[in-house]
Amino acid sequence: MKNFIFIILSVALLAGCAARTPAVGAQAARTYDQSWSAAVDALRAQGVRITSQDRAAGVVEGVSKGVTIAANIKKQADGSARAQFNTKGTINSDPGLIRRITKSYNSGIGQ
């Protein structure tokens, strides 16, 4: 029964994500510095031209094929850090971009 409720809630949450495209599966890094470096490296590895970086705020933004990508790094209560990648605008020019960025990020933090 708990699994059924979890599945229903998961589907409901995913259905509400149509306005922007968040990455799924970005893992937590051991430290903020590790997460920051992995996020910047992941964006660059996937051909994203970085347009702004604010390490203190945990935000990196860039552009690829007309799509704006933002990485947001947040410290967790246990001292680890997590990245979330989002796009602004249409992703029709490269629909797999966020998935590839997330995969590069996870690889960069050793996941």
Protein backbone atom coordinates (compact mmCIF):
# COMPACT_ATOMS: atom_id res chain seq x y z
CA MET A 1 0.00 0.00 0.00
CA LYS A 2 2.85 2.42 0.83
CA ASN A 3 4.42 1.74 -2.57
CA PHE A 4 1.13 2.47 -4.29
CA ILE A 5 0.78 5.82 -2.50
CA PHE A 6 4.40 6.68 -3.32
CA ILE A 7 3.82 5.94 -7.01
CA ILE A 8 0.65 8.04 -7.13
CA LEU A 9 2.38 10.98 -5.42
CA SER A 10 5.39 10.67 -7.72
CA VAL A 11 3.23 10.73 -10.84
CA ALA A 12 1.31 13.74 -9.53
CA LEU A 13 4.52 15.64 -8.83
CA LEU A 14 5.96 14.83 -12.24
CA ALA A 15 2.78 15.96 -13.97
CA GLY A 16 3.24 19.44 -12.51
CA CYS A 17 6.69 19.95 -14.07
CA ALA A 18 5.59 21.06 -17.54
CA ALA A 19 6.62 24.74 -17.22
CA ARG A 20 10.33 24.10 -16.79
CA THR A 21 12.54 21.08 -17.21
CA PRO A 22 14.31 20.03 -14.01
CA ALA A 23 16.96 17.37 -14.12
CA VAL A 24 16.11 14.05 -12.60
CA GLY A 25 18.69 12.08 -10.70
CA ALA A 26 21.37 14.64 -9.79
CA GLN A 27 23.12 13.05 -6.82
CA ALA A 28 24.43 14.78 -3.70
CA ALA A 29 28.15 15.54 -3.57
CA ARG A 30 30.22 15.21 -0.40
CA THR A 31 31.06 18.94 -0.34
CA TYR A 32 29.85 22.21 -1.81
CA ASP A 33 33.17 22.66 -3.65
CA GLN A 34 32.88 19.22 -5.23
CA SER A 35 29.30 19.92 -6.34
CA TRP A 36 30.23 23.36 -7.72
CA SER A 37 33.17 22.03 -9.72
CA ALA A 38 31.18 19.07 -11.06
CA ALA A 39 28.29 21.34 -12.12
CA VAL A 40 30.56 23.79 -13.98
CA ASP A 41 32.47 20.92 -15.61
CA ALA A 42 29.24 19.15 -16.61
CA LEU A 43 27.88 22.27 -18.31
CA ARG A 44 31.13 22.81 -20.21
CA ALA A 45 31.42 19.12 -21.15
CA GLN A 46 28.02 19.32 -22.82
CA GLY A 47 28.89 22.43 -24.85
CA VAL A 48 27.15 24.99 -22.67
CA ARG A 49 28.70 28.47 -22.93
CA ILE A 50 28.80 29.78 -19.36
CA THR A 51 27.45 33.31 -19.15
CA SER A 52 27.48 33.92 -15.39
CA GLN A 53 28.77 32.35 -12.20
CA ASP A 54 28.00 33.32 -8.61
CA ARG A 55 29.72 30.77 -6.41
CA ALA A 56 28.48 32.35 -3.15
CA ALA A 57 24.86 32.15 -4.34
CA GLY A 58 25.42 28.72 -5.90
CA VAL A 59 24.25 29.69 -9.38
CA VAL A 60 25.85 28.98 -12.76
CA GLU A 61 24.05 29.97 -15.96
CA GLY A 62 24.85 29.28 -19.56
CA VAL A 63 23.45 28.94 -23.06
CA SER A 64 23.47 26.11 -25.59
CA LYS A 65 21.62 26.18 -28.93
CA GLY A 66 19.36 28.97 -27.73
CA VAL A 67 18.47 27.23 -24.47
CA THR A 68 19.37 28.87 -21.15
CA ILE A 69 20.54 26.39 -18.53
CA ALA A 70 20.86 27.17 -14.82
CA ALA A 71 22.64 25.06 -12.22
CA ASN A 72 21.68 25.74 -8.61
CA ILE A 73 23.92 24.31 -5.90
CA LYS A 74 22.42 23.98 -2.43
CA LYS A 75 24.04 22.85 0.81
CA GLN A 76 22.20 20.08 2.61
CA ALA A 77 21.73 19.76 6.38
CA ASP A 78 24.30 16.94 6.52
CA GLY A 79 27.01 19.10 4.91
CA SER A 80 26.71 17.58 1.45
CA ALA A 81 25.59 19.62 -1.53
CA ARG A 82 23.12 18.97 -4.32
CA ALA A 83 22.82 20.46 -7.80
CA GLN A 84 19.62 21.06 -9.71
CA PHE A 85 19.72 21.85 -13.41
CA ASN A 86 16.87 23.71 -15.11
CA THR A 87 16.22 25.08 -18.57
CA LYS A 88 14.48 28.26 -19.60
CA GLY A 89 12.84 28.37 -22.99
CA THR A 90 12.13 25.61 -25.43
CA ILE A 91 14.38 22.57 -25.45
CA ASN A 92 13.32 21.41 -28.91
CA SER A 93 16.79 22.13 -30.30
CA ASP A 94 18.37 19.62 -27.86
CA PRO A 95 15.81 17.64 -25.82
CA GLY A 96 18.45 15.36 -24.22
CA LEU A 97 20.65 18.19 -22.92
CA ILE A 98 19.54 18.12 -19.27
CA ARG A 99 19.86 14.32 -19.12
CA ARG A 100 23.43 14.52 -20.48
CA ILE A 101 24.37 17.36 -18.10
CA THR A 102 23.01 15.39 -15.14
CA LYS A 103 24.93 12.29 -16.24
CA SER A 104 28.15 14.34 -16.55
CA TYR A 105 27.54 15.91 -13.11
CA ASN A 106 26.96 12.52 -11.47
CA SER A 107 30.11 11.20 -13.11
CA GLY A 108 32.04 14.24 -11.86
CA ILE A 109 31.08 13.58 -8.25
CA GLY A 110 31.90 9.90 -8.55
CA GLN A 111 28.37 8.47 -8.77
